[in-house]
Amino acid sequence: CHCDQREYSCGHFKWLATEHCPEYRERQNKKCPPNITAFEDRTDICGECKPKTQFPWIAGFMGKT
């Protein structure tokens, strides 16, 4: 499969599939080794490193008041 590699300022990276190979479809969506076709350097941090924002209405909704 063809993938773009996105590298974040926090050091993490993600692979984003741009095109799936025929083997991927035949194997019922089992991942194959990525073929990196493009790189993207990002100045922001990834979603895992961003601080989690909890809105007040969520705590009430979840029963945690």
N, C-alpha and C. Protein backbone atom coordinates (compact mmCIF):
# COMPACT_ATOMS: atom_id res chain seq x y z
N CYS A 1 0.84 -1.19 0.00
CA CYS A 1 0.00 0.00 0.00
C CYS A 1 0.88 1.25 0.00
N HIS A 2 0.44 2.26 -0.69
CA HIS A 2 1.17 3.52 -0.73
C HIS A 2 0.71 4.40 0.43
N CYS A 3 1.67 4.97 1.14
CA CYS A 3 1.35 5.78 2.31
C CYS A 3 2.15 7.07 2.32
N ASP A 4 1.57 8.09 2.95
CA ASP A 4 2.29 9.31 3.28
C ASP A 4 2.68 9.19 4.75
N GLN A 5 3.90 9.60 5.08
CA GLN A 5 4.32 9.59 6.47
C GLN A 5 4.26 11.02 6.98
N ARG A 6 3.48 11.21 8.04
CA ARG A 6 3.33 12.53 8.66
C ARG A 6 4.09 12.52 9.97
N GLU A 7 5.10 13.39 10.09
CA GLU A 7 5.91 13.47 11.30
C GLU A 7 5.56 14.74 12.06
N TYR A 8 5.30 14.59 13.36
CA TYR A 8 4.89 15.71 14.21
C TYR A 8 6.07 16.22 15.02
N SER A 9 5.95 17.44 15.55
CA SER A 9 7.04 18.05 16.31
C SER A 9 7.30 17.31 17.63
N CYS A 10 6.34 16.52 18.10
CA CYS A 10 6.51 15.76 19.34
C CYS A 10 7.35 14.50 19.13
N GLY A 11 7.65 14.19 17.86
CA GLY A 11 8.45 13.01 17.57
C GLY A 11 7.64 11.82 17.09
N HIS A 12 6.33 11.86 17.25
CA HIS A 12 5.48 10.78 16.77
C HIS A 12 5.27 10.91 15.27
N PHE A 13 4.91 9.80 14.64
CA PHE A 13 4.58 9.84 13.22
C PHE A 13 3.40 8.93 12.95
N LYS A 14 2.72 9.21 11.86
CA LYS A 14 1.57 8.41 11.43
C LYS A 14 1.71 8.12 9.95
N TRP A 15 1.19 6.97 9.55
CA TRP A 15 1.14 6.62 8.13
C TRP A 15 -0.30 6.76 7.67
N LEU A 16 -0.49 7.49 6.60
CA LEU A 16 -1.81 7.70 6.02
C LEU A 16 -1.86 7.03 4.66
N ALA A 17 -2.72 6.04 4.51
CA ALA A 17 -2.81 5.31 3.25
C ALA A 17 -3.37 6.22 2.16
N THR A 18 -2.67 6.29 1.04
CA THR A 18 -3.14 7.07 -0.10
C THR A 18 -3.67 6.15 -1.19
N GLU A 19 -3.21 4.89 -1.18
CA GLU A 19 -3.69 3.91 -2.16
C GLU A 19 -3.46 2.52 -1.60
N HIS A 20 -4.49 1.69 -1.64
CA HIS A 20 -4.37 0.32 -1.16
C HIS A 20 -4.03 -0.61 -2.31
N CYS A 21 -3.15 -1.57 -2.03
CA CYS A 21 -2.75 -2.54 -3.05
C CYS A 21 -3.82 -3.63 -3.18
N PRO A 22 -3.80 -4.38 -4.28
CA PRO A 22 -4.78 -5.46 -4.46
C PRO A 22 -4.71 -6.52 -3.36
N GLU A 23 -3.51 -6.79 -2.85
CA GLU A 23 -3.36 -7.79 -1.80
C GLU A 23 -4.11 -7.37 -0.54
N TYR A 24 -4.13 -6.08 -0.26
CA TYR A 24 -4.83 -5.56 0.92
C TYR A 24 -6.32 -5.89 0.82
N ARG A 25 -6.89 -5.68 -0.34
CA ARG A 25 -8.31 -5.94 -0.54
C ARG A 25 -8.61 -7.45 -0.49
N GLU A 26 -7.72 -8.25 -1.05
CA GLU A 26 -7.92 -9.70 -1.08
C GLU A 26 -7.80 -10.32 0.31
N ARG A 27 -6.97 -9.73 1.16
CA ARG A 27 -6.75 -10.28 2.50
C ARG A 27 -7.75 -9.73 3.51
N GLN A 28 -8.83 -9.18 3.05
CA GLN A 28 -9.89 -8.65 3.90
C GLN A 28 -9.37 -7.57 4.84
N ASN A 29 -8.70 -6.59 4.25
CA ASN A 29 -8.24 -5.39 4.94
C ASN A 29 -7.17 -5.63 6.01
N LYS A 30 -6.37 -6.69 5.86
CA LYS A 30 -5.23 -6.89 6.75
C LYS A 30 -4.10 -6.01 6.25
N LYS A 31 -3.46 -5.30 7.18
CA LYS A 31 -2.42 -4.34 6.80
C LYS A 31 -1.19 -5.04 6.22
N CYS A 32 -0.59 -4.39 5.24
CA CYS A 32 0.66 -4.86 4.67
C CYS A 32 1.73 -3.81 4.97
N PRO A 33 3.01 -4.12 4.78
CA PRO A 33 4.05 -3.14 5.05
C PRO A 33 3.84 -1.88 4.19
N PRO A 34 3.97 -0.70 4.80
CA PRO A 34 3.73 0.53 4.04
C PRO A 34 4.86 0.83 3.06
N ASN A 35 4.49 1.37 1.94
CA ASN A 35 5.44 1.86 0.94
C ASN A 35 5.33 3.39 1.00
N ILE A 36 6.28 4.03 1.69
CA ILE A 36 6.22 5.48 1.91
C ILE A 36 6.51 6.20 0.60
N THR A 37 5.54 6.99 0.15
CA THR A 37 5.69 7.72 -1.11
C THR A 37 5.86 9.22 -0.90
N ALA A 38 5.57 9.72 0.30
CA ALA A 38 5.71 11.16 0.58
C ALA A 38 5.90 11.37 2.08
N PHE A 39 6.60 12.44 2.42
CA PHE A 39 6.82 12.82 3.81
C PHE A 39 6.21 14.19 4.05
N GLU A 40 5.65 14.37 5.24
CA GLU A 40 5.11 15.66 5.62
C GLU A 40 5.58 15.97 7.03
N ASP A 41 6.31 17.07 7.21
CA ASP A 41 6.74 17.51 8.54
C ASP A 41 5.71 18.50 9.06
N ARG A 42 5.19 18.23 10.26
CA ARG A 42 4.19 19.09 10.86
C ARG A 42 4.82 19.82 12.04
N THR A 43 4.45 21.07 12.24
CA THR A 43 4.97 21.85 13.37
C THR A 43 4.12 21.66 14.62
N ASP A 44 2.94 21.07 14.49
CA ASP A 44 2.08 20.83 15.65
C ASP A 44 2.36 19.45 16.24
N ILE A 45 1.76 19.19 17.40
CA ILE A 45 1.93 17.89 18.04
C ILE A 45 0.76 16.99 17.65
N CYS A 46 0.95 15.70 17.80
CA CYS A 46 -0.09 14.75 17.38
C CYS A 46 -1.26 14.75 18.37
N GLY A 47 -2.33 14.10 17.99
CA GLY A 47 -3.53 14.03 18.82
C GLY A 47 -3.31 13.33 20.14
N GLU A 48 -2.39 12.37 20.19
CA GLU A 48 -2.13 11.66 21.44
C GLU A 48 -1.42 12.55 22.46
N CYS A 49 -0.64 13.52 22.00
CA CYS A 49 0.12 14.39 22.90
C CYS A 49 -0.62 15.67 23.26
N LYS A 50 -1.66 16.01 22.52
CA LYS A 50 -2.43 17.22 22.83
C LYS A 50 -3.15 17.03 24.15
N PRO A 51 -3.21 18.10 24.96
CA PRO A 51 -3.94 17.98 26.23
C PRO A 51 -5.42 17.68 25.97
N LYS A 52 -5.97 16.82 26.78
CA LYS A 52 -7.38 16.46 26.64
C LYS A 52 -8.24 17.54 27.28
N THR A 53 -9.20 18.04 26.54
CA THR A 53 -10.12 19.05 27.04
C THR A 53 -11.40 18.37 27.46
N GLN A 54 -11.77 18.53 28.72
CA GLN A 54 -13.04 17.98 29.18
C GLN A 54 -13.98 19.14 29.46
N PHE A 55 -15.05 19.17 28.73
CA PHE A 55 -16.03 20.23 28.90
C PHE A 55 -16.93 19.90 30.08
N PRO A 56 -17.39 20.93 30.82
CA PRO A 56 -18.21 20.68 32.02
C PRO A 56 -19.45 19.83 31.74
N TRP A 57 -20.08 20.01 30.60
CA TRP A 57 -21.30 19.25 30.32
C TRP A 57 -21.01 17.77 30.13
N ILE A 58 -19.78 17.40 29.78
CA ILE A 58 -19.44 15.99 29.62
C ILE A 58 -19.43 15.29 30.98
N ALA A 59 -18.87 15.96 32.00
CA ALA A 59 -18.83 15.36 33.33
C ALA A 59 -20.24 15.08 33.84
N GLY A 60 -21.17 16.02 33.62
CA GLY A 60 -22.56 15.81 34.03
C GLY A 60 -23.22 14.69 33.25
N PHE A 61 -22.92 14.63 31.98
CA PHE A 61 -23.49 13.60 31.11
C PHE A 61 -23.01 12.21 31.52
N MET A 62 -21.75 12.12 31.94
CA MET A 62 -21.17 10.83 32.32
C MET A 62 -21.49 10.46 33.77
N GLY A 63 -22.21 11.33 34.50
CA GLY A 63 -22.56 11.04 35.89
C GLY A 63 -21.44 11.32 36.86
N LYS A 64 -20.48 12.14 36.45
CA LYS A 64 -19.34 12.47 37.32
C LYS A 64 -19.43 13.93 37.72
N THR A 65 -20.39 14.26 38.53
CA THR A 65 -20.57 15.66 38.95
C THR A 65 -19.91 15.93 40.26
